[in-house]
Amino acid sequence: MLGYILKRLLAVVPVITFVAIFVFLLLRLTPGDPAAILAGDAATPAQLEQIRTSLGLNDPLLVQFGTWIGQLFRGDLGISLISNIPVSDMVGQRIWPTINIALMTIILSVLLAVPMGVIAAWKHRTWADYAVMSFSVLGFSVPVFVIGYIFIQVFSIELRWLPVQGYTPPTEDFGKFLSKAILPCLTLATIYVALIARMTRASMLEVLGEDYVRTARAKGVSETLVLFRHALRNAAVPILTIIGTGFALLISGVVVTESVFNIPGIGRLTVDAILARDYPVIQAMILLTSAIYVFINLMIDVAYSIIDPRIRY
């Protein structure tokens, strides 16, 4: 197990290196002058040159890259060009709302989608199967912001059950956190329930026809144990992939939902940084997203090796 994990960790190094080089060159070669953004329209050429020198923008690209990599190894993500706040502090303030919403969403999605997919496969070509597939098609077809506005109209404006927008940290008031997190979580879960349910159904259909499933049924094992202990465990590899990828997408791609429900997460931070051409923040966000994907994929590989030890070899 340890050797397998070390191999996977070594495979991560060239990926992160390529991402770092790509991000550095992409932002350095993009049109736009950070010095002009900082100084404003009324800045003189001398002021612009002074800012470029202080930021190291006049140094050769290799020197700039070496300086930037050295800062990364020290945990220094730079200073925001707009707010003049350390980027690490900005990320630390914004990442927890996104993680909390993502965790609640993925837990809700798994609890709903996996049983739905199992039932759809078990009752293949019956009304239950058609109902799950219809919901999946609907979940994929409707844009997430439309779902969000529908939920706001129904549960916040018409029924007045839940607040429209906002975010309260769970450590401050867990009740308020839940009340404000339910709508965005339901909005995001609509898509991921559809995705995970379809994958669960497809994987279960492949497994339910195997000999060991028929043998378990012939021995008199209850249908619940056949479905959830024998069949689902052997169908879990592609399901885990979808769940892991979905969690990574939730953390890095909840821009629309955070905007609709006014959640101060990293999605909104990324949009604000792109609009303002705040290069250090953009670099940090891309690197953070890449690291999340790499970490999630590593965890999925480890989970594969636990479910099926043959994968290690």
C-alpha atoms as a PDB file:
ATOM      1  CA  MET A   1       0.000   0.000   0.000  1.00  0.00           C
ATOM      2  CA  LEU A   2       2.756   2.468   0.979  1.00  0.00           C
ATOM      3  CA  GLY A   3       4.697   1.804  -2.222  1.00  0.00           C
ATOM      4  CA  TYR A   4       1.576   2.349  -4.308  1.00  0.00           C
ATOM      5  CA  ILE A   5       0.865   5.686  -2.577  1.00  0.00           C
ATOM      6  CA  LEU A   6       4.484   6.809  -3.087  1.00  0.00           C
ATOM      7  CA  LYS A   7       4.244   6.015  -6.798  1.00  0.00           C
ATOM      8  CA  ARG A   8       1.067   8.069  -7.062  1.00  0.00           C
ATOM      9  CA  LEU A   9       2.692  10.955  -5.181  1.00  0.00           C
ATOM     10  CA  LEU A  10       5.690  10.915  -7.529  1.00  0.00           C
ATOM     11  CA  ALA A  11       3.322  11.018 -10.499  1.00  0.00           C
ATOM     12  CA  VAL A  12       1.829  14.216  -9.084  1.00  0.00           C
ATOM     13  CA  VAL A  13       5.127  16.156  -9.207  1.00  0.00           C
ATOM     14  CA  PRO A  14       5.319  16.679 -13.015  1.00  0.00           C
ATOM     15  CA  VAL A  15       1.625  17.628 -13.097  1.00  0.00           C
ATOM     16  CA  ILE A  16       2.009  20.354 -10.467  1.00  0.00           C
ATOM     17  CA  THR A  17       5.238  21.548 -12.130  1.00  0.00           C
ATOM     18  CA  PHE A  18       3.527  21.882 -15.508  1.00  0.00           C
ATOM     19  CA  VAL A  19       0.584  23.736 -13.944  1.00  0.00           C
ATOM     20  CA  ALA A  20       2.934  26.154 -12.156  1.00  0.00           C
ATOM     21  CA  ILE A  21       4.832  26.947 -15.371  1.00  0.00           C
ATOM     22  CA  PHE A  22       1.610  27.288 -17.352  1.00  0.00           C
ATOM     23  CA  VAL A  23       0.015  29.639 -14.818  1.00  0.00           C
ATOM     24  CA  PHE A  24       3.129  31.790 -14.547  1.00  0.00           C
ATOM     25  CA  LEU A  25       3.534  32.204 -18.315  1.00  0.00           C
ATOM     26  CA  LEU A  26      -0.168  32.610 -18.998  1.00  0.00           C
ATOM     27  CA  LEU A  27      -0.557  35.562 -16.673  1.00  0.00           C
ATOM     28  CA  ARG A  28       2.777  37.156 -17.591  1.00  0.00           C
ATOM     29  CA  LEU A  29       1.995  37.022 -21.325  1.00  0.00           C
ATOM     30  CA  THR A  30      -1.630  38.151 -21.006  1.00  0.00           C
ATOM     31  CA  PRO A  31      -2.268  41.727 -22.247  1.00  0.00           C
ATOM     32  CA  GLY A  32      -2.592  44.244 -19.448  1.00  0.00           C
ATOM     33  CA  ASP A  33      -0.169  45.995 -17.119  1.00  0.00           C
ATOM     34  CA  PRO A  34      -0.510  45.328 -13.371  1.00  0.00           C
ATOM     35  CA  ALA A  35       1.396  48.551 -12.696  1.00  0.00           C
ATOM     36  CA  ALA A  36      -1.200  50.574 -14.619  1.00  0.00           C
ATOM     37  CA  ILE A  37      -3.991  48.914 -12.635  1.00  0.00           C
ATOM     38  CA  LEU A  38      -2.313  49.746  -9.343  1.00  0.00           C
ATOM     39  CA  ALA A  39      -1.332  53.333 -10.249  1.00  0.00           C
ATOM     40  CA  GLY A  40      -4.554  54.342 -11.988  1.00  0.00           C
ATOM     41  CA  ASP A  41      -5.155  56.327 -15.139  1.00  0.00           C
ATOM     42  CA  ALA A  42      -3.434  59.467 -13.859  1.00  0.00           C
ATOM     43  CA  ALA A  43      -0.054  57.793 -13.207  1.00  0.00           C
ATOM     44  CA  THR A  44       3.055  59.178 -14.840  1.00  0.00           C
ATOM     45  CA  PRO A  45       5.523  56.927 -16.739  1.00  0.00           C
ATOM     46  CA  ALA A  46       8.009  57.343 -13.880  1.00  0.00           C
ATOM     47  CA  GLN A  47       5.448  56.094 -11.355  1.00  0.00           C
ATOM     48  CA  LEU A  48       4.595  53.129 -13.570  1.00  0.00           C
ATOM     49  CA  GLU A  49       8.277  52.257 -13.917  1.00  0.00           C
ATOM     50  CA  GLN A  50       8.768  52.461 -10.156  1.00  0.00           C
ATOM     51  CA  ILE A  51       5.850  50.076  -9.537  1.00  0.00           C
ATOM     52  CA  ARG A  52       7.125  47.616 -12.164  1.00  0.00           C
ATOM     53  CA  THR A  53      10.537  47.637 -10.518  1.00  0.00           C
ATOM     54  CA  SER A  54       9.086  47.073  -7.031  1.00  0.00           C
ATOM     55  CA  LEU A  55       7.009  44.139  -8.343  1.00  0.00           C
ATOM     56  CA  GLY A  56       9.958  42.670 -10.231  1.00  0.00           C
ATOM     57  CA  LEU A  57       8.153  42.912 -13.559  1.00  0.00           C
ATOM     58  CA  ASN A  58      11.247  44.281 -15.290  1.00  0.00           C
ATOM     59  CA  ASP A  59      13.316  41.212 -14.391  1.00  0.00           C
ATOM     60  CA  PRO A  60      13.799  38.410 -16.938  1.00  0.00           C
ATOM     61  CA  LEU A  61      11.073  35.763 -16.933  1.00  0.00           C
ATOM     62  CA  LEU A  62      13.395  33.118 -15.471  1.00  0.00           C
ATOM     63  CA  VAL A  63      14.274  35.406 -12.569  1.00  0.00           C
ATOM     64  CA  GLN A  64      10.600  36.210 -11.976  1.00  0.00           C
ATOM     65  CA  PHE A  65       9.717  32.504 -12.094  1.00  0.00           C
ATOM     66  CA  GLY A  66      12.495  31.572  -9.666  1.00  0.00           C
ATOM     67  CA  THR A  67      11.396  34.282  -7.246  1.00  0.00           C
ATOM     68  CA  TRP A  68       7.773  33.182  -7.496  1.00  0.00           C
ATOM     69  CA  ILE A  69       8.582  29.494  -6.933  1.00  0.00           C
ATOM     70  CA  GLY A  70      10.726  30.396  -3.938  1.00  0.00           C
ATOM     71  CA  GLN A  71       7.821  32.321  -2.447  1.00  0.00           C
ATOM     72  CA  LEU A  72       5.484  29.364  -3.026  1.00  0.00           C
ATOM     73  CA  PHE A  73       7.802  26.999  -1.152  1.00  0.00           C
ATOM     74  CA  ARG A  74       7.716  29.430   1.773  1.00  0.00           C
ATOM     75  CA  GLY A  75       3.921  29.500   1.659  1.00  0.00           C
ATOM     76  CA  ASP A  76       3.896  33.058   0.351  1.00  0.00           C
ATOM     77  CA  LEU A  77       1.235  33.497  -2.352  1.00  0.00           C
ATOM     78  CA  GLY A  78       2.006  37.174  -2.780  1.00  0.00           C
ATOM     79  CA  ILE A  79       0.106  40.364  -2.065  1.00  0.00           C
ATOM     80  CA  SER A  80      -3.152  41.317  -3.768  1.00  0.00           C
ATOM     81  CA  LEU A  81      -2.583  44.134  -6.238  1.00  0.00           C
ATOM     82  CA  ILE A  82      -5.999  45.627  -5.478  1.00  0.00           C
ATOM     83  CA  SER A  83      -6.578  45.206  -1.730  1.00  0.00           C
ATOM     84  CA  ASN A  84      -2.902  45.029  -0.682  1.00  0.00           C
ATOM     85  CA  ILE A  85      -3.757  42.047   1.549  1.00  0.00           C
ATOM     86  CA  PRO A  86      -1.721  38.794   1.568  1.00  0.00           C
ATOM     87  CA  VAL A  87      -3.363  36.360  -0.858  1.00  0.00           C
ATOM     88  CA  SER A  88      -3.059  33.514   1.649  1.00  0.00           C
ATOM     89  CA  ASP A  89      -5.198  35.511   4.104  1.00  0.00           C
ATOM     90  CA  MET A  90      -7.815  36.185   1.419  1.00  0.00           C
ATOM     91  CA  VAL A  91      -7.960  32.518   0.467  1.00  0.00           C
ATOM     92  CA  GLY A  92      -8.136  31.462   4.112  1.00  0.00           C
ATOM     93  CA  GLN A  93     -11.126  33.745   4.690  1.00  0.00           C
ATOM     94  CA  ARG A  94     -12.991  32.630   1.564  1.00  0.00           C
ATOM     95  CA  ILE A  95     -12.300  28.916   1.296  1.00  0.00           C
ATOM     96  CA  TRP A  96     -14.295  27.713   4.314  1.00  0.00           C
ATOM     97  CA  PRO A  97     -17.727  28.833   3.053  1.00  0.00           C
ATOM     98  CA  THR A  98     -17.021  27.011  -0.200  1.00  0.00           C
ATOM     99  CA  ILE A  99     -15.784  23.856   1.556  1.00  0.00           C
ATOM    100  CA  ASN A 100     -18.759  23.802   3.933  1.00  0.00           C
ATOM    101  CA  ILE A 101     -21.266  24.167   1.101  1.00  0.00           C
ATOM    102  CA  ALA A 102     -19.417  21.581  -0.997  1.00  0.00           C
ATOM    103  CA  LEU A 103     -19.318  19.035   1.836  1.00  0.00           C
ATOM    104  CA  MET A 104     -23.011  19.418   2.593  1.00  0.00           C
ATOM    105  CA  THR A 105     -23.856  19.163  -1.098  1.00  0.00           C
ATOM    106  CA  ILE A 106     -21.810  16.047  -1.790  1.00  0.00           C
ATOM    107  CA  ILE A 107     -23.090  14.285   1.361  1.00  0.00           C
ATOM    108  CA  LEU A 108     -26.682  15.102   0.408  1.00  0.00           C
ATOM    109  CA  SER A 109     -26.049  14.025  -3.181  1.00  0.00           C
ATOM    110  CA  VAL A 110     -24.542  10.668  -2.198  1.00  0.00           C
ATOM    111  CA  LEU A 111     -27.289   9.903   0.338  1.00  0.00           C
ATOM    112  CA  LEU A 112     -29.944  10.532  -2.302  1.00  0.00           C
ATOM    113  CA  ALA A 113     -28.261   9.443  -5.535  1.00  0.00           C
ATOM    114  CA  VAL A 114     -26.735   6.077  -4.606  1.00  0.00           C
ATOM    115  CA  PRO A 115     -30.020   4.516  -3.369  1.00  0.00           C
ATOM    116  CA  MET A 116     -31.808   6.022  -6.387  1.00  0.00           C
ATOM    117  CA  GLY A 117     -29.264   4.474  -8.771  1.00  0.00           C
ATOM    118  CA  VAL A 118     -29.411   1.099  -7.002  1.00  0.00           C
ATOM    119  CA  ILE A 119     -33.216   1.041  -7.122  1.00  0.00           C
ATOM    120  CA  ALA A 120     -33.222   2.106 -10.785  1.00  0.00           C
ATOM    121  CA  ALA A 121     -30.888  -0.779 -11.673  1.00  0.00           C
ATOM    122  CA  TRP A 122     -32.796  -3.266  -9.501  1.00  0.00           C
ATOM    123  CA  LYS A 123     -36.123  -2.232 -11.033  1.00  0.00           C
ATOM    124  CA  HIS A 124     -34.699  -1.935 -14.537  1.00  0.00           C
ATOM    125  CA  ARG A 125     -37.277  -0.880 -17.148  1.00  0.00           C
ATOM    126  CA  THR A 126     -39.988  -0.226 -14.581  1.00  0.00           C
ATOM    127  CA  TRP A 127     -41.599   3.040 -13.504  1.00  0.00           C
ATOM    128  CA  ALA A 128     -38.915   3.485 -10.793  1.00  0.00           C
ATOM    129  CA  ASP A 129     -36.141   3.259 -13.372  1.00  0.00           C
ATOM    130  CA  TYR A 130     -37.914   5.665 -15.718  1.00  0.00           C
ATOM    131  CA  ALA A 131     -38.531   8.125 -12.868  1.00  0.00           C
ATOM    132  CA  VAL A 132     -34.840   8.197 -11.872  1.00  0.00           C
ATOM    133  CA  MET A 133     -33.724   8.592 -15.495  1.00  0.00           C
ATOM    134  CA  SER A 134     -36.260  11.371 -16.083  1.00  0.00           C
ATOM    135  CA  PHE A 135     -34.980  13.236 -13.035  1.00  0.00           C
ATOM    136  CA  SER A 136     -31.402  12.763 -14.249  1.00  0.00           C
ATOM    137  CA  VAL A 137     -32.198  14.230 -17.645  1.00  0.00           C
ATOM    138  CA  LEU A 138     -33.981  17.160 -16.007  1.00  0.00           C
ATOM    139  CA  GLY A 139     -31.071  17.748 -13.607  1.00  0.00           C
ATOM    140  CA  PHE A 140     -28.597  17.899 -16.488  1.00  0.00           C
ATOM    141  CA  SER A 141     -30.800  20.045 -18.712  1.00  0.00           C
ATOM    142  CA  VAL A 142     -31.754  22.953 -16.438  1.00  0.00           C
ATOM    143  CA  PRO A 143     -28.993  25.533 -15.750  1.00  0.00           C
ATOM    144  CA  VAL A 144     -27.950  25.768 -12.124  1.00  0.00           C
ATOM    145  CA  PHE A 145     -28.870  29.447 -11.771  1.00  0.00           C
ATOM    146  CA  VAL A 146     -32.406  28.705 -13.007  1.00  0.00           C
ATOM    147  CA  ILE A 147     -32.762  25.999 -10.358  1.00  0.00           C
ATOM    148  CA  GLY A 148     -31.472  28.436  -7.746  1.00  0.00           C
ATOM    149  CA  TYR A 149     -33.954  31.155  -8.675  1.00  0.00           C
ATOM    150  CA  ILE A 150     -36.824  28.635  -8.700  1.00  0.00           C
ATOM    151  CA  PHE A 151     -35.908  27.485  -5.179  1.00  0.00           C
ATOM    152  CA  ILE A 152     -35.654  31.105  -4.009  1.00  0.00           C
ATOM    153  CA  GLN A 153     -39.070  31.895  -5.480  1.00  0.00           C
ATOM    154  CA  VAL A 154     -40.738  28.833  -3.951  1.00  0.00           C
ATOM    155  CA  PHE A 155     -39.058  28.400  -0.554  1.00  0.00           C
ATOM    156  CA  SER A 156     -38.028  31.977   0.246  1.00  0.00           C
ATOM    157  CA  ILE A 157     -40.534  34.295  -1.401  1.00  0.00           C
ATOM    158  CA  GLU A 158     -43.718  32.214  -1.604  1.00  0.00           C
ATOM    159  CA  LEU A 159     -43.440  29.920   1.427  1.00  0.00           C
ATOM    160  CA  ARG A 160     -41.037  32.110   3.462  1.00  0.00           C
ATOM    161  CA  TRP A 161     -39.392  29.029   4.930  1.00  0.00           C
ATOM    162  CA  LEU A 162     -35.737  29.913   4.248  1.00  0.00           C
ATOM    163  CA  PRO A 163     -33.635  33.064   3.870  1.00  0.00           C
ATOM    164  CA  VAL A 164     -32.935  34.260   0.333  1.00  0.00           C
ATOM    165  CA  GLN A 165     -29.200  34.899   0.566  1.00  0.00           C
ATOM    166  CA  GLY A 166     -26.254  35.148   2.900  1.00  0.00           C
ATOM    167  CA  TYR A 167     -23.881  32.942   4.842  1.00  0.00           C
ATOM    168  CA  THR A 168     -23.251  32.364   8.545  1.00  0.00           C
ATOM    169  CA  PRO A 169     -20.237  30.280   9.671  1.00  0.00           C
ATOM    170  CA  PRO A 170     -21.287  27.052  11.421  1.00  0.00           C
ATOM    171  CA  THR A 171     -18.976  27.879  14.348  1.00  0.00           C
ATOM    172  CA  GLU A 172     -20.896  31.109  14.913  1.00  0.00           C
ATOM    173  CA  ASP A 173     -24.484  29.829  14.719  1.00  0.00           C
ATOM    174  CA  PHE A 174     -25.062  26.328  13.341  1.00  0.00           C
ATOM    175  CA  GLY A 175     -28.820  26.809  13.040  1.00  0.00           C
ATOM    176  CA  LYS A 176     -28.437  29.921  10.896  1.00  0.00           C
ATOM    177  CA  PHE A 177     -25.740  28.177   8.865  1.00  0.00           C
ATOM    178  CA  LEU A 178     -28.093  25.315   8.038  1.00  0.00           C
ATOM    179  CA  SER A 179     -31.008  27.600   7.187  1.00  0.00           C
ATOM    180  CA  LYS A 180     -28.869  29.642   4.783  1.00  0.00           C
ATOM    181  CA  ALA A 181     -27.009  26.649   3.334  1.00  0.00           C
ATOM    182  CA  ILE A 182     -30.042  24.494   2.474  1.00  0.00           C
ATOM    183  CA  LEU A 183     -31.026  26.323  -0.712  1.00  0.00           C
ATOM    184  CA  PRO A 184     -27.561  26.506  -2.310  1.00  0.00           C
ATOM    185  CA  CYS A 185     -26.912  22.879  -1.344  1.00  0.00           C
ATOM    186  CA  LEU A 186     -30.220  21.742  -2.860  1.00  0.00           C
ATOM    187  CA  THR A 187     -29.470  23.765  -5.980  1.00  0.00           C
ATOM    188  CA  LEU A 188     -26.072  22.161  -6.489  1.00  0.00           C
ATOM    189  CA  ALA A 189     -27.269  18.714  -5.376  1.00  0.00           C
ATOM    190  CA  THR A 190     -29.885  18.640  -8.135  1.00  0.00           C
ATOM    191  CA  ILE A 191     -27.112  18.329 -10.709  1.00  0.00           C
ATOM    192  CA  TYR A 192     -24.882  15.968  -8.766  1.00  0.00           C
ATOM    193  CA  VAL A 193     -27.718  13.668  -7.716  1.00  0.00           C
ATOM    194  CA  ALA A 194     -28.560  13.282 -11.403  1.00  0.00           C
ATOM    195  CA  LEU A 195     -24.926  12.564 -12.283  1.00  0.00           C
ATOM    196  CA  ILE A 196     -24.198  10.108  -9.468  1.00  0.00           C
ATOM    197  CA  ALA A 197     -27.541   8.325  -9.863  1.00  0.00           C
ATOM    198  CA  ARG A 198     -26.906   7.700 -13.575  1.00  0.00           C
ATOM    199  CA  MET A 199     -23.418   6.371 -12.900  1.00  0.00           C
ATOM    200  CA  THR A 200     -24.647   4.172 -10.031  1.00  0.00           C
ATOM    201  CA  ARG A 201     -27.406   2.735 -12.209  1.00  0.00           C
ATOM    202  CA  ALA A 202     -25.022   1.993 -15.097  1.00  0.00           C
ATOM    203  CA  SER A 203     -22.439   0.350 -12.820  1.00  0.00           C
ATOM    204  CA  MET A 204     -25.036  -1.705 -10.977  1.00  0.00           C
ATOM    205  CA  LEU A 205     -26.574  -2.970 -14.222  1.00  0.00           C
ATOM    206  CA  GLU A 206     -23.187  -4.389 -15.218  1.00  0.00           C
ATOM    207  CA  VAL A 207     -22.690  -6.092 -11.859  1.00  0.00           C
ATOM    208  CA  LEU A 208     -26.175  -7.521 -11.243  1.00  0.00           C
ATOM    209  CA  GLY A 209     -25.741 -10.028 -14.060  1.00  0.00           C
ATOM    210  CA  GLU A 210     -22.511 -11.488 -12.650  1.00  0.00           C
ATOM    211  CA  ASP A 211     -22.264 -15.066 -11.370  1.00  0.00           C
ATOM    212  CA  TYR A 212     -21.490 -14.137  -7.756  1.00  0.00           C
ATOM    213  CA  VAL A 213     -24.708 -12.115  -7.554  1.00  0.00           C
ATOM    214  CA  ARG A 214     -26.757 -15.061  -8.823  1.00  0.00           C
ATOM    215  CA  THR A 215     -24.911 -17.335  -6.391  1.00  0.00           C
ATOM    216  CA  ALA A 216     -25.685 -15.047  -3.445  1.00  0.00           C
ATOM    217  CA  ARG A 217     -29.353 -15.018  -4.397  1.00  0.00           C
ATOM    218  CA  ALA A 218     -29.358 -18.801  -4.789  1.00  0.00           C
ATOM    219  CA  LYS A 219     -27.980 -19.149  -1.260  1.00  0.00           C
ATOM    220  CA  GLY A 220     -30.944 -17.200   0.068  1.00  0.00           C
ATOM    221  CA  VAL A 221     -29.127 -13.962   0.880  1.00  0.00           C
ATOM    222  CA  SER A 222     -31.602 -11.130   1.335  1.00  0.00           C
ATOM    223  CA  GLU A 223     -32.033  -8.781  -1.621  1.00  0.00           C
ATOM    224  CA  THR A 224     -30.859  -5.796   0.419  1.00  0.00           C
ATOM    225  CA  LEU A 225     -27.541  -7.491   1.204  1.00  0.00           C
ATOM    226  CA  VAL A 226     -27.173  -8.631  -2.396  1.00  0.00           C
ATOM    227  CA  LEU A 227     -27.668  -5.102  -3.669  1.00  0.00           C
ATOM    228  CA  PHE A 228     -25.704  -3.087  -1.137  1.00  0.00           C
ATOM    229  CA  ARG A 229     -23.009  -5.510   0.088  1.00  0.00           C
ATOM    230  CA  HIS A 230     -22.211  -7.651  -2.942  1.00  0.00           C
ATOM    231  CA  ALA A 231     -23.252  -5.666  -5.996  1.00  0.00           C
ATOM    232  CA  LEU A 232     -22.678  -2.065  -4.893  1.00  0.00           C
ATOM    233  CA  ARG A 233     -19.205  -2.759  -3.491  1.00  0.00           C
ATOM    234  CA  ASN A 234     -18.046  -4.231  -6.784  1.00  0.00           C
ATOM    235  CA  ALA A 235     -19.666  -1.397  -8.727  1.00  0.00           C
ATOM    236  CA  ALA A 236     -18.122   1.288  -6.530  1.00  0.00           C
ATOM    237  CA  VAL A 237     -15.005   2.179  -8.548  1.00  0.00           C
ATOM    238  CA  PRO A 238     -16.657   4.386 -11.214  1.00  0.00           C
ATOM    239  CA  ILE A 239     -19.085   5.744  -8.595  1.00  0.00           C
ATOM    240  CA  LEU A 240     -16.176   6.850  -6.395  1.00  0.00           C
ATOM    241  CA  THR A 241     -14.604   8.557  -9.401  1.00  0.00           C
ATOM    242  CA  ILE A 242     -17.741  10.593 -10.033  1.00  0.00           C
ATOM    243  CA  ILE A 243     -18.135  11.478  -6.346  1.00  0.00           C
ATOM    244  CA  GLY A 244     -14.504  12.581  -6.038  1.00  0.00           C
ATOM    245  CA  THR A 245     -14.557  14.573  -9.250  1.00  0.00           C
ATOM    246  CA  GLY A 246     -17.856  16.129  -8.220  1.00  0.00           C
ATOM    247  CA  PHE A 247     -16.409  17.261  -4.896  1.00  0.00           C
ATOM    248  CA  ALA A 248     -13.436  18.861  -6.667  1.00  0.00           C
ATOM    249  CA  LEU A 249     -15.786  20.599  -9.083  1.00  0.00           C
ATOM    250  CA  LEU A 250     -17.922  21.856  -6.221  1.00  0.00           C
ATOM    251  CA  ILE A 251     -14.950  23.467  -4.479  1.00  0.00           C
ATOM    252  CA  SER A 252     -13.533  25.065  -7.614  1.00  0.00           C
ATOM    253  CA  GLY A 253     -16.621  25.749  -9.687  1.00  0.00           C
ATOM    254  CA  VAL A 254     -19.436  27.163  -7.550  1.00  0.00           C
ATOM    255  CA  VAL A 255     -19.137  30.660  -9.008  1.00  0.00           C
ATOM    256  CA  VAL A 256     -22.747  30.902 -10.184  1.00  0.00           C
ATOM    257  CA  THR A 257     -24.249  29.508  -6.987  1.00  0.00           C
ATOM    258  CA  GLU A 258     -22.146  31.739  -4.767  1.00  0.00           C
ATOM    259  CA  SER A 259     -23.224  34.737  -6.829  1.00  0.00           C
ATOM    260  CA  VAL A 260     -26.924  33.821  -6.737  1.00  0.00           C
ATOM    261  CA  PHE A 261     -26.967  33.193  -2.975  1.00  0.00           C
ATOM    262  CA  ASN A 262     -24.386  35.861  -2.032  1.00  0.00           C
ATOM    263  CA  ILE A 263     -21.924  33.405  -0.467  1.00  0.00           C
ATOM    264  CA  PRO A 264     -18.426  34.859   0.158  1.00  0.00           C
ATOM    265  CA  GLY A 265     -16.512  31.865  -1.184  1.00  0.00           C
ATOM    266  CA  ILE A 266     -13.526  31.346  -3.462  1.00  0.00           C
ATOM    267  CA  GLY A 267     -15.748  31.282  -6.539  1.00  0.00           C
ATOM    268  CA  ARG A 268     -16.674  34.931  -6.109  1.00  0.00           C
ATOM    269  CA  LEU A 269     -13.093  35.748  -5.126  1.00  0.00           C
ATOM    270  CA  THR A 270     -11.871  34.276  -8.423  1.00  0.00           C
ATOM    271  CA  VAL A 271     -14.367  36.257 -10.471  1.00  0.00           C
ATOM    272  CA  ASP A 272     -13.489  39.499  -8.693  1.00  0.00           C
ATOM    273  CA  ALA A 273      -9.767  38.865  -9.208  1.00  0.00           C
ATOM    274  CA  ILE A 274     -10.210  38.165 -12.935  1.00  0.00           C
ATOM    275  CA  LEU A 275     -12.276  41.310 -13.468  1.00  0.00           C
ATOM    276  CA  ALA A 276      -9.673  43.387 -11.617  1.00  0.00           C
ATOM    277  CA  ARG A 277      -6.682  41.577 -13.193  1.00  0.00           C
ATOM    278  CA  ASP A 278      -5.344  40.849  -9.741  1.00  0.00           C
ATOM    279  CA  TYR A 279      -2.585  38.489 -10.912  1.00  0.00           C
ATOM    280  CA  PRO A 280      -1.399  37.083  -7.554  1.00  0.00           C
ATOM    281  CA  VAL A 281      -4.963  36.119  -6.595  1.00  0.00           C
ATOM    282  CA  ILE A 282      -5.640  34.547 -10.007  1.00  0.00           C
ATOM    283  CA  GLN A 283      -2.422  32.520  -9.773  1.00  0.00           C
ATOM    284  CA  ALA A 284      -3.326  31.324  -6.283  1.00  0.00           C
ATOM    285  CA  MET A 285      -6.823  30.303  -7.357  1.00  0.00           C
ATOM    286  CA  ILE A 286      -5.603  28.294 -10.348  1.00  0.00           C
ATOM    287  CA  LEU A 287      -2.928  26.571  -8.279  1.00  0.00           C
ATOM    288  CA  LEU A 288      -5.429  25.848  -5.499  1.00  0.00           C
ATOM    289  CA  THR A 289      -7.908  24.360  -7.956  1.00  0.00           C
ATOM    290  CA  SER A 290      -5.207  22.189  -9.530  1.00  0.00           C
ATOM    291  CA  ALA A 291      -3.994  21.015  -6.115  1.00  0.00           C
ATOM    292  CA  ILE A 292      -7.558  20.095  -5.134  1.00  0.00           C
ATOM    293  CA  TYR A 293      -8.005  18.019  -8.284  1.00  0.00           C
ATOM    294  CA  VAL A 294      -4.676  16.259  -7.778  1.00  0.00           C
ATOM    295  CA  PHE A 295      -5.416  15.544  -4.104  1.00  0.00           C
ATOM    296  CA  ILE A 296      -8.912  14.227  -4.847  1.00  0.00           C
ATOM    297  CA  ASN A 297      -7.581  11.963  -7.612  1.00  0.00           C
ATOM    298  CA  LEU A 298      -4.925  10.667  -5.231  1.00  0.00           C
ATOM    299  CA  MET A 299      -7.584   9.886  -2.628  1.00  0.00           C
ATOM    300  CA  ILE A 300      -9.652   8.099  -5.276  1.00  0.00           C
ATOM    301  CA  ASP A 301      -6.644   5.963  -6.245  1.00  0.00           C
ATOM    302  CA  VAL A 302      -6.085   5.048  -2.597  1.00  0.00           C
ATOM    303  CA  ALA A 303      -9.762   4.164  -2.251  1.00  0.00           C
ATOM    304  CA  TYR A 304      -9.488   1.964  -5.363  1.00  0.00           C
ATOM    305  CA  SER A 305      -6.604   0.053  -3.803  1.00  0.00           C
ATOM    306  CA  ILE A 306      -8.655  -0.538  -0.647  1.00  0.00           C
ATOM    307  CA  ILE A 307     -11.741  -1.713  -2.527  1.00  0.00           C
ATOM    308  CA  ASP A 308      -9.793  -3.882  -4.967  1.00  0.00           C
ATOM    309  CA  PRO A 309      -6.198  -4.686  -3.844  1.00  0.00           C
ATOM    310  CA  ARG A 310      -5.382  -5.982  -7.342  1.00  0.00           C
ATOM    311  CA  ILE A 311      -5.295  -2.356  -8.559  1.00  0.00           C
ATOM    312  CA  ARG A 312      -2.042  -1.786  -6.644  1.00  0.00           C
ATOM    313  CA  TYR A 313      -0.270  -4.086  -9.024  1.00  0.00           C
END
